[in-house]
Full PDB file with SEQRES, HELIX, SHEET, SSBOND, CRYST1, ORIGX, SCALE, CONECT and MASTER records, all heavy atoms in Angstrom:
SEQRES   1 A   38  ASN PRO ALA ASP GLN GLY ILE GLN PRO LEU GLU GLN VAL          
SEQRES   2 A   38  LEU ALA TRP LYS SER PHE PHE LYS PRO SER VAL MET GLY          
SEQRES   3 A   38  GLU LEU LEU VAL ALA GLU PHE PHE PRO LYS TRP LEU              
HELIX    1 AA1 GLN A    8  LEU A   14  1                                   7    
HELIX    2 AA2 LYS A   17  PHE A   19  5                                   3    
HELIX    3 AA3 PRO A   22  GLU A   32  1                                  11    
HELIX    4 AA4 PHE A   34  TRP A   37  1                                   4    
CRYST1    1.000    1.000    1.000  90.00  90.00  90.00 P 1           1          
ORIGX1      1.000000  0.000000  0.000000        0.00000                         
ORIGX2      0.000000  1.000000  0.000000        0.00000                         
ORIGX3      0.000000  0.000000  1.000000        0.00000                         
SCALE1      1.000000  0.000000  0.000000        0.00000                         
SCALE2      0.000000  1.000000  0.000000        0.00000                         
SCALE3      0.000000  0.000000  1.000000        0.00000                         
ATOM      1  N   ASN A   1     -18.955 -10.372 -14.761  1.00  0.00           N  
ATOM      2  CA  ASN A   1     -19.185 -11.776 -14.792  1.00  0.00           C  
ATOM      3  C   ASN A   1     -20.391 -12.062 -15.735  1.00  0.00           C  
ATOM      4  O   ASN A   1     -21.546 -11.832 -15.255  1.00  0.00           O  
ATOM      5  CB  ASN A   1     -19.451 -12.322 -13.368  1.00  0.00           C  
ATOM      6  CG  ASN A   1     -19.606 -13.893 -13.339  1.00  0.00           C  
ATOM      7  OD1 ASN A   1     -19.514 -14.555 -14.418  1.00  0.00           O  
ATOM      8  ND2 ASN A   1     -19.860 -14.381 -12.164  1.00  0.00           N  
ATOM      9  N   PRO A   2     -20.210 -12.469 -16.958  1.00  0.00           N  
ATOM     10  CA  PRO A   2     -21.278 -12.712 -17.834  1.00  0.00           C  
ATOM     11  C   PRO A   2     -22.191 -13.799 -17.381  1.00  0.00           C  
ATOM     12  O   PRO A   2     -23.476 -13.692 -17.676  1.00  0.00           O  
ATOM     13  CB  PRO A   2     -20.649 -13.146 -19.126  1.00  0.00           C  
ATOM     14  CG  PRO A   2     -19.182 -12.534 -19.072  1.00  0.00           C  
ATOM     15  CD  PRO A   2     -18.897 -12.687 -17.573  1.00  0.00           C  
ATOM     16  N   ALA A   3     -21.845 -14.693 -16.548  1.00  0.00           N  
ATOM     17  CA  ALA A   3     -22.648 -15.712 -16.074  1.00  0.00           C  
ATOM     18  C   ALA A   3     -23.543 -15.255 -15.010  1.00  0.00           C  
ATOM     19  O   ALA A   3     -24.768 -15.674 -14.993  1.00  0.00           O  
ATOM     20  CB  ALA A   3     -21.837 -16.960 -15.589  1.00  0.00           C  
ATOM     21  N   ASP A   4     -23.126 -14.453 -14.097  1.00  0.00           N  
ATOM     22  CA  ASP A   4     -23.950 -13.931 -12.980  1.00  0.00           C  
ATOM     23  C   ASP A   4     -23.556 -12.499 -12.685  1.00  0.00           C  
ATOM     24  O   ASP A   4     -22.771 -12.251 -11.766  1.00  0.00           O  
ATOM     25  CB  ASP A   4     -23.789 -14.873 -11.743  1.00  0.00           C  
ATOM     26  CG  ASP A   4     -24.770 -14.454 -10.592  1.00  0.00           C  
ATOM     27  OD1 ASP A   4     -25.629 -13.716 -10.899  1.00  0.00           O  
ATOM     28  OD2 ASP A   4     -24.478 -14.911  -9.437  1.00  0.00           O  
ATOM     29  N   GLN A   5     -24.065 -11.611 -13.542  1.00  0.00           N  
ATOM     30  CA  GLN A   5     -23.669 -10.233 -13.445  1.00  0.00           C  
ATOM     31  C   GLN A   5     -24.307  -9.517 -12.374  1.00  0.00           C  
ATOM     32  O   GLN A   5     -25.515  -9.449 -12.361  1.00  0.00           O  
ATOM     33  CB  GLN A   5     -23.738  -9.458 -14.815  1.00  0.00           C  
ATOM     34  CG  GLN A   5     -23.263  -8.115 -14.868  1.00  0.00           C  
ATOM     35  CD  GLN A   5     -21.646  -8.094 -14.633  1.00  0.00           C  
ATOM     36  OE1 GLN A   5     -20.943  -8.694 -15.371  1.00  0.00           O  
ATOM     37  NE2 GLN A   5     -21.270  -7.436 -13.540  1.00  0.00           N  
ATOM     38  N   GLY A   6     -23.593  -8.864 -11.494  1.00  0.00           N  
ATOM     39  CA  GLY A   6     -24.137  -8.012 -10.551  1.00  0.00           C  
ATOM     40  C   GLY A   6     -23.667  -6.542 -10.808  1.00  0.00           C  
ATOM     41  O   GLY A   6     -22.379  -6.340 -10.918  1.00  0.00           O  
ATOM     42  N   ILE A   7     -24.481  -5.595 -10.805  1.00  0.00           N  
ATOM     43  CA  ILE A   7     -24.044  -4.175 -11.118  1.00  0.00           C  
ATOM     44  C   ILE A   7     -24.310  -3.207  -9.991  1.00  0.00           C  
ATOM     45  O   ILE A   7     -24.291  -1.967 -10.233  1.00  0.00           O  
ATOM     46  CB  ILE A   7     -24.637  -3.681 -12.367  1.00  0.00           C  
ATOM     47  CG1 ILE A   7     -26.211  -3.688 -12.240  1.00  0.00           C  
ATOM     48  CG2 ILE A   7     -24.197  -4.589 -13.555  1.00  0.00           C  
ATOM     49  CD1 ILE A   7     -26.853  -3.018 -13.518  1.00  0.00           C  
ATOM     50  N   GLN A   8     -24.553  -3.723  -8.702  1.00  0.00           N  
ATOM     51  CA  GLN A   8     -24.930  -2.791  -7.680  1.00  0.00           C  
ATOM     52  C   GLN A   8     -23.859  -1.736  -7.410  1.00  0.00           C  
ATOM     53  O   GLN A   8     -24.070  -0.541  -7.276  1.00  0.00           O  
ATOM     54  CB  GLN A   8     -25.247  -3.499  -6.428  1.00  0.00           C  
ATOM     55  CG  GLN A   8     -25.742  -2.698  -5.302  1.00  0.00           C  
ATOM     56  CD  GLN A   8     -26.074  -3.518  -4.019  1.00  0.00           C  
ATOM     57  OE1 GLN A   8     -25.922  -4.720  -3.999  1.00  0.00           O  
ATOM     58  NE2 GLN A   8     -26.607  -2.809  -3.048  1.00  0.00           N  
ATOM     59  N   PRO A   9     -22.517  -2.133  -7.349  1.00  0.00           N  
ATOM     60  CA  PRO A   9     -21.492  -1.148  -7.128  1.00  0.00           C  
ATOM     61  C   PRO A   9     -21.496  -0.088  -8.302  1.00  0.00           C  
ATOM     62  O   PRO A   9     -21.242   1.111  -8.055  1.00  0.00           O  
ATOM     63  CB  PRO A   9     -20.162  -1.950  -6.985  1.00  0.00           C  
ATOM     64  CG  PRO A   9     -20.692  -3.181  -6.650  1.00  0.00           C  
ATOM     65  CD  PRO A   9     -21.983  -3.497  -7.246  1.00  0.00           C  
ATOM     66  N   LEU A  10     -21.657  -0.589  -9.509  1.00  0.00           N  
ATOM     67  CA  LEU A  10     -21.687   0.323 -10.584  1.00  0.00           C  
ATOM     68  C   LEU A  10     -22.850   1.348 -10.615  1.00  0.00           C  
ATOM     69  O   LEU A  10     -22.781   2.498 -10.929  1.00  0.00           O  
ATOM     70  CB  LEU A  10     -21.725  -0.451 -11.966  1.00  0.00           C  
ATOM     71  CG  LEU A  10     -21.634   0.442 -13.211  1.00  0.00           C  
ATOM     72  CD1 LEU A  10     -20.477   1.219 -13.214  1.00  0.00           C  
ATOM     73  CD2 LEU A  10     -21.742  -0.474 -14.449  1.00  0.00           C  
ATOM     74  N   GLU A  11     -24.017   0.791 -10.096  1.00  0.00           N  
ATOM     75  CA  GLU A  11     -25.188   1.640  -9.956  1.00  0.00           C  
ATOM     76  C   GLU A  11     -24.939   2.720  -8.907  1.00  0.00           C  
ATOM     77  O   GLU A  11     -25.391   3.857  -9.032  1.00  0.00           O  
ATOM     78  CB  GLU A  11     -26.407   0.777  -9.566  1.00  0.00           C  
ATOM     79  CG  GLU A  11     -26.927  -0.045 -10.776  1.00  0.00           C  
ATOM     80  CD  GLU A  11     -28.080  -0.893 -10.324  1.00  0.00           C  
ATOM     81  OE1 GLU A  11     -28.191  -1.085  -9.112  1.00  0.00           O  
ATOM     82  OE2 GLU A  11     -28.826  -1.402 -11.209  1.00  0.00           O  
ATOM     83  N   GLN A  12     -24.285   2.339  -7.809  1.00  0.00           N  
ATOM     84  CA  GLN A  12     -23.910   3.298  -6.804  1.00  0.00           C  
ATOM     85  C   GLN A  12     -23.025   4.421  -7.287  1.00  0.00           C  
ATOM     86  O   GLN A  12     -23.109   5.563  -6.919  1.00  0.00           O  
ATOM     87  CB  GLN A  12     -23.237   2.615  -5.602  1.00  0.00           C  
ATOM     88  CG  GLN A  12     -24.174   1.622  -4.852  1.00  0.00           C  
ATOM     89  CD  GLN A  12     -23.399   0.808  -3.804  1.00  0.00           C  
ATOM     90  OE1 GLN A  12     -22.245   1.114  -3.477  1.00  0.00           O  
ATOM     91  NE2 GLN A  12     -24.089  -0.129  -3.213  1.00  0.00           N  
ATOM     92  N   VAL A  13     -22.135   4.070  -8.228  1.00  0.00           N  
ATOM     93  CA  VAL A  13     -21.284   5.044  -8.854  1.00  0.00           C  
ATOM     94  C   VAL A  13     -22.034   5.950  -9.757  1.00  0.00           C  
ATOM     95  O   VAL A  13     -21.934   7.146  -9.741  1.00  0.00           O  
ATOM     96  CB  VAL A  13     -20.022   4.339  -9.525  1.00  0.00           C  
ATOM     97  CG1 VAL A  13     -19.298   5.372 -10.343  1.00  0.00           C  
ATOM     98  CG2 VAL A  13     -19.242   3.692  -8.560  1.00  0.00           C  
ATOM     99  N   LEU A  14     -22.896   5.311 -10.616  1.00  0.00           N  
ATOM    100  CA  LEU A  14     -23.622   6.037 -11.622  1.00  0.00           C  
ATOM    101  C   LEU A  14     -24.701   6.998 -10.990  1.00  0.00           C  
ATOM    102  O   LEU A  14     -25.135   7.936 -11.647  1.00  0.00           O  
ATOM    103  CB  LEU A  14     -24.274   5.145 -12.672  1.00  0.00           C  
ATOM    104  CG  LEU A  14     -23.332   4.259 -13.541  1.00  0.00           C  
ATOM    105  CD1 LEU A  14     -24.092   3.400 -14.341  1.00  0.00           C  
ATOM    106  CD2 LEU A  14     -22.472   5.276 -14.287  1.00  0.00           C  
ATOM    107  N   ALA A  15     -25.095   6.666  -9.726  1.00  0.00           N  
ATOM    108  CA  ALA A  15     -25.952   7.578  -9.074  1.00  0.00           C  
ATOM    109  C   ALA A  15     -25.461   8.983  -8.908  1.00  0.00           C  
ATOM    110  O   ALA A  15     -26.306   9.930  -8.719  1.00  0.00           O  
ATOM    111  CB  ALA A  15     -26.402   6.924  -7.735  1.00  0.00           C  
ATOM    112  N   TRP A  16     -24.099   9.198  -8.926  1.00  0.00           N  
ATOM    113  CA  TRP A  16     -23.506  10.475  -8.664  1.00  0.00           C  
ATOM    114  C   TRP A  16     -23.194  11.138 -10.035  1.00  0.00           C  
ATOM    115  O   TRP A  16     -22.435  12.173  -9.983  1.00  0.00           O  
ATOM    116  CB  TRP A  16     -22.271  10.287  -7.847  1.00  0.00           C  
ATOM    117  CG  TRP A  16     -22.425   9.785  -6.472  1.00  0.00           C  
ATOM    118  CD1 TRP A  16     -22.529   8.483  -6.086  1.00  0.00           C  
ATOM    119  CD2 TRP A  16     -22.607  10.668  -5.278  1.00  0.00           C  
ATOM    120  NE1 TRP A  16     -22.825   8.449  -4.708  1.00  0.00           N  
ATOM    121  CE2 TRP A  16     -22.720   9.763  -4.251  1.00  0.00           C  
ATOM    122  CE3 TRP A  16     -22.565  12.023  -5.092  1.00  0.00           C  
ATOM    123  CZ2 TRP A  16     -22.931  10.231  -2.892  1.00  0.00           C  
ATOM    124  CZ3 TRP A  16     -22.748  12.451  -3.733  1.00  0.00           C  
ATOM    125  CH2 TRP A  16     -22.874  11.591  -2.709  1.00  0.00           C  
ATOM    126  N   LYS A  17     -23.591  10.549 -11.191  1.00  0.00           N  
ATOM    127  CA  LYS A  17     -23.230  11.102 -12.404  1.00  0.00           C  
ATOM    128  C   LYS A  17     -23.684  12.570 -12.638  1.00  0.00           C  
ATOM    129  O   LYS A  17     -22.984  13.347 -13.376  1.00  0.00           O  
ATOM    130  CB  LYS A  17     -23.723  10.239 -13.588  1.00  0.00           C  
ATOM    131  CG  LYS A  17     -25.163  10.166 -13.696  1.00  0.00           C  
ATOM    132  CD  LYS A  17     -25.669   9.291 -14.887  1.00  0.00           C  
ATOM    133  CE  LYS A  17     -27.108   9.367 -15.032  1.00  0.00           C  
ATOM    134  NZ  LYS A  17     -27.578   8.553 -16.205  1.00  0.00           N  
ATOM    135  N   SER A  18     -24.756  12.981 -12.078  1.00  0.00           N  
ATOM    136  CA  SER A  18     -25.226  14.394 -12.229  1.00  0.00           C  
ATOM    137  C   SER A  18     -24.349  15.397 -11.582  1.00  0.00           C  
ATOM    138  O   SER A  18     -24.422  16.633 -11.871  1.00  0.00           O  
ATOM    139  CB  SER A  18     -26.668  14.518 -11.655  1.00  0.00           C  
ATOM    140  OG  SER A  18     -26.651  14.270 -10.259  1.00  0.00           O  
ATOM    141  N   PHE A  19     -23.415  14.979 -10.612  1.00  0.00           N  
ATOM    142  CA  PHE A  19     -22.476  15.896  -9.961  1.00  0.00           C  
ATOM    143  C   PHE A  19     -21.238  16.010 -10.729  1.00  0.00           C  
ATOM    144  O   PHE A  19     -20.340  16.805 -10.336  1.00  0.00           O  
ATOM    145  CB  PHE A  19     -22.265  15.373  -8.566  1.00  0.00           C  
ATOM    146  CG  PHE A  19     -23.506  15.522  -7.627  1.00  0.00           C  
ATOM    147  CD1 PHE A  19     -24.332  14.442  -7.533  1.00  0.00           C  
ATOM    148  CD2 PHE A  19     -23.795  16.736  -7.024  1.00  0.00           C  
ATOM    149  CE1 PHE A  19     -25.438  14.471  -6.783  1.00  0.00           C  
ATOM    150  CE2 PHE A  19     -24.836  16.763  -6.194  1.00  0.00           C  
ATOM    151  CZ  PHE A  19     -25.801  15.765  -6.047  1.00  0.00           C  
ATOM    152  N   PHE A  20     -20.957  15.210 -11.748  1.00  0.00           N  
ATOM    153  CA  PHE A  20     -19.788  15.318 -12.539  1.00  0.00           C  
ATOM    154  C   PHE A  20     -20.027  15.459 -13.993  1.00  0.00           C  
ATOM    155  O   PHE A  20     -21.086  15.056 -14.486  1.00  0.00           O  
ATOM    156  CB  PHE A  20     -18.940  14.006 -12.392  1.00  0.00           C  
ATOM    157  CG  PHE A  20     -18.511  13.696 -10.956  1.00  0.00           C  
ATOM    158  CD1 PHE A  20     -19.331  12.835 -10.169  1.00  0.00           C  
ATOM    159  CD2 PHE A  20     -17.404  14.330 -10.318  1.00  0.00           C  
ATOM    160  CE1 PHE A  20     -19.008  12.565  -8.895  1.00  0.00           C  
ATOM    161  CE2 PHE A  20     -17.066  14.047  -9.052  1.00  0.00           C  
ATOM    162  CZ  PHE A  20     -17.869  13.207  -8.318  1.00  0.00           C  
ATOM    163  N   LYS A  21     -19.100  16.091 -14.678  1.00  0.00           N  
ATOM    164  CA  LYS A  21     -19.277  16.148 -16.132  1.00  0.00           C  
ATOM    165  C   LYS A  21     -19.018  14.801 -16.840  1.00  0.00           C  
ATOM    166  O   LYS A  21     -18.331  13.937 -16.247  1.00  0.00           O  
ATOM    167  CB  LYS A  21     -18.286  17.208 -16.716  1.00  0.00           C  
ATOM    168  CG  LYS A  21     -18.596  18.648 -16.379  1.00  0.00           C  
ATOM    169  CD  LYS A  21     -17.678  19.588 -17.145  1.00  0.00           C  
ATOM    170  CE  LYS A  21     -18.123  21.005 -16.937  1.00  0.00           C  
ATOM    171  NZ  LYS A  21     -17.352  21.953 -17.713  1.00  0.00           N  
ATOM    172  N   PRO A  22     -19.605  14.595 -17.912  1.00  0.00           N  
ATOM    173  CA  PRO A  22     -19.477  13.244 -18.555  1.00  0.00           C  
ATOM    174  C   PRO A  22     -17.980  12.935 -18.829  1.00  0.00           C  
ATOM    175  O   PRO A  22     -17.610  11.740 -18.751  1.00  0.00           O  
ATOM    176  CB  PRO A  22     -20.187  13.462 -19.931  1.00  0.00           C  
ATOM    177  CG  PRO A  22     -21.217  14.510 -19.618  1.00  0.00           C  
ATOM    178  CD  PRO A  22     -20.629  15.381 -18.736  1.00  0.00           C  
ATOM    179  N   SER A  23     -17.177  13.878 -19.114  1.00  0.00           N  
ATOM    180  CA  SER A  23     -15.816  13.601 -19.329  1.00  0.00           C  
ATOM    181  C   SER A  23     -15.086  13.090 -18.067  1.00  0.00           C  
ATOM    182  O   SER A  23     -14.251  12.155 -18.147  1.00  0.00           O  
ATOM    183  CB  SER A  23     -15.075  14.900 -19.848  1.00  0.00           C  
ATOM    184  OG  SER A  23     -15.135  15.898 -18.802  1.00  0.00           O  
ATOM    185  N   VAL A  24     -15.463  13.611 -16.973  1.00  0.00           N  
ATOM    186  CA  VAL A  24     -14.840  13.117 -15.684  1.00  0.00           C  
ATOM    187  C   VAL A  24     -15.358  11.752 -15.294  1.00  0.00           C  
ATOM    188  O   VAL A  24     -14.575  10.819 -15.003  1.00  0.00           O  
ATOM    189  CB  VAL A  24     -15.213  14.144 -14.544  1.00  0.00           C  
ATOM    190  CG1 VAL A  24     -14.568  13.559 -13.148  1.00  0.00           C  
ATOM    191  CG2 VAL A  24     -14.612  15.481 -14.859  1.00  0.00           C  
ATOM    192  N   MET A  25     -16.650  11.477 -15.495  1.00  0.00           N  
ATOM    193  CA  MET A  25     -17.232  10.172 -15.267  1.00  0.00           C  
ATOM    194  C   MET A  25     -16.627   9.142 -16.293  1.00  0.00           C  
ATOM    195  O   MET A  25     -16.377   8.014 -15.919  1.00  0.00           O  
ATOM    196  CB  MET A  25     -18.746  10.207 -15.402  1.00  0.00           C  
ATOM    197  CG  MET A  25     -19.430   8.886 -14.975  1.00  0.00           C  
ATOM    198  SD  MET A  25     -19.101   8.456 -13.298  1.00  0.00           S  
ATOM    199  CE  MET A  25     -19.954   9.750 -12.417  1.00  0.00           C  
ATOM    200  N   GLY A  26     -16.370   9.567 -17.494  1.00  0.00           N  
ATOM    201  CA  GLY A  26     -15.767   8.795 -18.455  1.00  0.00           C  
ATOM    202  C   GLY A  26     -14.430   8.349 -18.098  1.00  0.00           C  
ATOM    203  O   GLY A  26     -13.930   7.114 -18.261  1.00  0.00           O  
ATOM    204  N   GLU A  27     -13.604   9.295 -17.537  1.00  0.00           N  
ATOM    205  CA  GLU A  27     -12.208   8.930 -17.030  1.00  0.00           C  
ATOM    206  C   GLU A  27     -12.256   7.942 -15.966  1.00  0.00           C  
ATOM    207  O   GLU A  27     -11.373   7.025 -15.908  1.00  0.00           O  
ATOM    208  CB  GLU A  27     -11.490  10.213 -16.542  1.00  0.00           C  
ATOM    209  CG  GLU A  27     -11.077  11.119 -17.634  1.00  0.00           C  
ATOM    210  CD  GLU A  27      -9.905  10.618 -18.369  1.00  0.00           C  
ATOM    211  OE1 GLU A  27      -9.199   9.715 -17.823  1.00  0.00           O  
ATOM    212  OE2 GLU A  27      -9.645  11.060 -19.508  1.00  0.00           O  
ATOM    213  N   LEU A  28     -13.230   8.070 -15.139  1.00  0.00           N  
ATOM    214  CA  LEU A  28     -13.469   7.016 -13.956  1.00  0.00           C  
ATOM    215  C   LEU A  28     -13.686   5.672 -14.590  1.00  0.00           C  
ATOM    216  O   LEU A  28     -13.141   4.661 -14.160  1.00  0.00           O  
ATOM    217  CB  LEU A  28     -14.581   7.431 -13.098  1.00  0.00           C  
ATOM    218  CG  LEU A  28     -14.943   6.468 -12.066  1.00  0.00           C  
ATOM    219  CD1 LEU A  28     -13.794   6.296 -10.954  1.00  0.00           C  
ATOM    220  CD2 LEU A  28     -16.172   6.965 -11.240  1.00  0.00           C  
ATOM    221  N   LEU A  29     -14.619   5.544 -15.638  1.00  0.00           N  
ATOM    222  CA  LEU A  29     -14.922   4.279 -16.196  1.00  0.00           C  
ATOM    223  C   LEU A  29     -13.731   3.635 -16.945  1.00  0.00           C  
ATOM    224  O   LEU A  29     -13.456   2.471 -16.897  1.00  0.00           O  
ATOM    225  CB  LEU A  29     -16.169   4.383 -17.084  1.00  0.00           C  
ATOM    226  CG  LEU A  29     -17.475   4.743 -16.335  1.00  0.00           C  
ATOM    227  CD1 LEU A  29     -18.547   5.028 -17.373  1.00  0.00           C  
ATOM    228  CD2 LEU A  29     -17.777   3.810 -15.350  1.00  0.00           C  
ATOM    229  N   VAL A  30     -13.044   4.518 -17.654  1.00  0.00           N  
ATOM    230  CA  VAL A  30     -11.806   4.058 -18.419  1.00  0.00           C  
ATOM    231  C   VAL A  30     -10.776   3.509 -17.475  1.00  0.00           C  
ATOM    232  O   VAL A  30     -10.117   2.512 -17.806  1.00  0.00           O  
ATOM    233  CB  VAL A  30     -11.303   5.238 -19.299  1.00  0.00           C  
ATOM    234  CG1 VAL A  30      -9.976   4.842 -19.875  1.00  0.00           C  
ATOM    235  CG2 VAL A  30     -12.291   5.554 -20.453  1.00  0.00           C  
ATOM    236  N   ALA A  31     -10.672   4.107 -16.323  1.00  0.00           N  
ATOM    237  CA  ALA A  31      -9.601   3.679 -15.395  1.00  0.00           C  
ATOM    238  C   ALA A  31      -9.981   2.379 -14.568  1.00  0.00           C  
ATOM    239  O   ALA A  31      -9.214   1.575 -14.328  1.00  0.00           O  
ATOM    240  CB  ALA A  31      -9.363   4.846 -14.382  1.00  0.00           C  
ATOM    241  N   GLU A  32     -11.343   2.278 -14.297  1.00  0.00           N  
ATOM    242  CA  GLU A  32     -11.697   1.181 -13.308  1.00  0.00           C  
ATOM    243  C   GLU A  32     -12.635   0.165 -13.897  1.00  0.00           C  
ATOM    244  O   GLU A  32     -12.684  -0.997 -13.506  1.00  0.00           O  
ATOM    245  CB  GLU A  32     -12.364   1.713 -12.092  1.00  0.00           C  
ATOM    246  CG  GLU A  32     -11.452   2.746 -11.319  1.00  0.00           C  
ATOM    247  CD  GLU A  32     -10.196   2.095 -10.786  1.00  0.00           C  
ATOM    248  OE1 GLU A  32     -10.085   0.872 -10.637  1.00  0.00           O  
ATOM    249  OE2 GLU A  32      -9.299   2.872 -10.417  1.00  0.00           O  
ATOM    250  N   PHE A  33     -13.437   0.550 -14.902  1.00  0.00           N  
ATOM    251  CA  PHE A  33     -14.515  -0.461 -15.426  1.00  0.00           C  
ATOM    252  C   PHE A  33     -13.962  -1.099 -16.675  1.00  0.00           C  
ATOM    253  O   PHE A  33     -13.937  -2.381 -16.727  1.00  0.00           O  
ATOM    254  CB  PHE A  33     -15.706   0.296 -15.725  1.00  0.00           C  
ATOM    255  CG  PHE A  33     -16.747  -0.486 -16.526  1.00  0.00           C  
ATOM    256  CD1 PHE A  33     -17.451  -1.540 -15.968  1.00  0.00           C  
ATOM    257  CD2 PHE A  33     -16.835  -0.232 -17.885  1.00  0.00           C  
ATOM    258  CE1 PHE A  33     -18.290  -2.295 -16.770  1.00  0.00           C  
ATOM    259  CE2 PHE A  33     -17.734  -0.959 -18.654  1.00  0.00           C  
ATOM    260  CZ  PHE A  33     -18.515  -1.980 -18.175  1.00  0.00           C  
ATOM    261  N   PHE A  34     -13.454  -0.402 -17.645  1.00  0.00           N  
ATOM    262  CA  PHE A  34     -13.201  -0.963 -18.927  1.00  0.00           C  
ATOM    263  C   PHE A  34     -12.008  -1.898 -18.859  1.00  0.00           C  
ATOM    264  O   PHE A  34     -11.956  -2.863 -19.690  1.00  0.00           O  
ATOM    265  CB  PHE A  34     -12.907   0.181 -19.930  1.00  0.00           C  
ATOM    266  CG  PHE A  34     -14.235   0.736 -20.562  1.00  0.00           C  
ATOM    267  CD1 PHE A  34     -14.725   1.979 -20.073  1.00  0.00           C  
ATOM    268  CD2 PHE A  34     -14.969   0.037 -21.498  1.00  0.00           C  
ATOM    269  CE1 PHE A  34     -15.849   2.506 -20.641  1.00  0.00           C  
ATOM    270  CE2 PHE A  34     -16.137   0.523 -21.933  1.00  0.00           C  
ATOM    271  CZ  PHE A  34     -16.563   1.686 -21.573  1.00  0.00           C  
ATOM    272  N   PRO A  35     -10.935  -1.748 -18.031  1.00  0.00           N  
ATOM    273  CA  PRO A  35     -10.029  -2.717 -18.008  1.00  0.00           C  
ATOM    274  C   PRO A  35     -10.527  -4.128 -17.619  1.00  0.00           C  
ATOM    275  O   PRO A  35     -10.142  -5.160 -18.269  1.00  0.00           O  
ATOM    276  CB  PRO A  35      -9.020  -2.211 -16.947  1.00  0.00           C  
ATOM    277  CG  PRO A  35      -9.171  -0.764 -16.955  1.00  0.00           C  
ATOM    278  CD  PRO A  35     -10.561  -0.575 -17.222  1.00  0.00           C  
ATOM    279  N   LYS A  36     -11.448  -4.152 -16.681  1.00  0.00           N  
ATOM    280  CA  LYS A  36     -12.116  -5.411 -16.309  1.00  0.00           C  
ATOM    281  C   LYS A  36     -12.981  -5.919 -17.391  1.00  0.00           C  
ATOM    282  O   LYS A  36     -12.956  -7.236 -17.724  1.00  0.00           O  
ATOM    283  CB  LYS A  36     -12.919  -5.267 -14.961  1.00  0.00           C  
ATOM    284  CG  LYS A  36     -12.000  -5.003 -13.741  1.00  0.00           C  
ATOM    285  CD  LYS A  36     -12.854  -4.765 -12.501  1.00  0.00           C  
ATOM    286  CE  LYS A  36     -12.128  -4.435 -11.284  1.00  0.00           C  
ATOM    287  NZ  LYS A  36     -12.914  -4.326 -10.055  1.00  0.00           N  
ATOM    288  N   TRP A  37     -13.665  -5.087 -18.011  1.00  0.00           N  
ATOM    289  CA  TRP A  37     -14.592  -5.495 -19.093  1.00  0.00           C  
ATOM    290  C   TRP A  37     -13.886  -6.060 -20.301  1.00  0.00           C  
ATOM    291  O   TRP A  37     -14.276  -7.068 -20.860  1.00  0.00           O  
ATOM    292  CB  TRP A  37     -15.447  -4.262 -19.414  1.00  0.00           C  
ATOM    293  CG  TRP A  37     -16.529  -4.546 -20.461  1.00  0.00           C  
ATOM    294  CD1 TRP A  37     -17.745  -5.077 -20.197  1.00  0.00           C  
ATOM    295  CD2 TRP A  37     -16.415  -4.270 -21.891  1.00  0.00           C  
ATOM    296  NE1 TRP A  37     -18.480  -5.090 -21.418  1.00  0.00           N  
ATOM    297  CE2 TRP A  37     -17.712  -4.673 -22.444  1.00  0.00           C  
ATOM    298  CE3 TRP A  37     -15.416  -3.854 -22.628  1.00  0.00           C  
ATOM    299  CZ2 TRP A  37     -17.947  -4.625 -23.821  1.00  0.00           C  
ATOM    300  CZ3 TRP A  37     -15.713  -3.664 -24.017  1.00  0.00           C  
ATOM    301  CH2 TRP A  37     -16.913  -4.094 -24.648  1.00  0.00           C  
ATOM    302  N   LEU A  38     -12.804  -5.388 -20.747  1.00  0.00           N  
ATOM    303  CA  LEU A  38     -12.017  -5.764 -21.848  1.00  0.00           C  
ATOM    304  C   LEU A  38     -11.373  -7.183 -21.574  1.00  0.00           C  
ATOM    305  O   LEU A  38     -11.202  -8.080 -22.417  1.00  0.00           O  
ATOM    306  CB  LEU A  38     -11.032  -4.769 -22.218  1.00  0.00           C  
ATOM    307  CG  LEU A  38     -11.480  -3.489 -22.846  1.00  0.00           C  
ATOM    308  CD1 LEU A  38     -10.437  -2.448 -23.041  1.00  0.00           C  
ATOM    309  CD2 LEU A  38     -12.250  -3.753 -24.263  1.00  0.00           C  
TER     310      LEU A  38                                                      
MASTER        0    0    0    4    0    0    0    6  309    1    0    3          
END                                                                             
């Protein structure tokens, strides 16, 4: 939501990024974040 953007759920996800390889975390974002963003 460009007007009132909240990123708390995304921050909760990114908090676990050290436990996954960047390629795995990228697949997660491609599947769930980028469709909404595009």
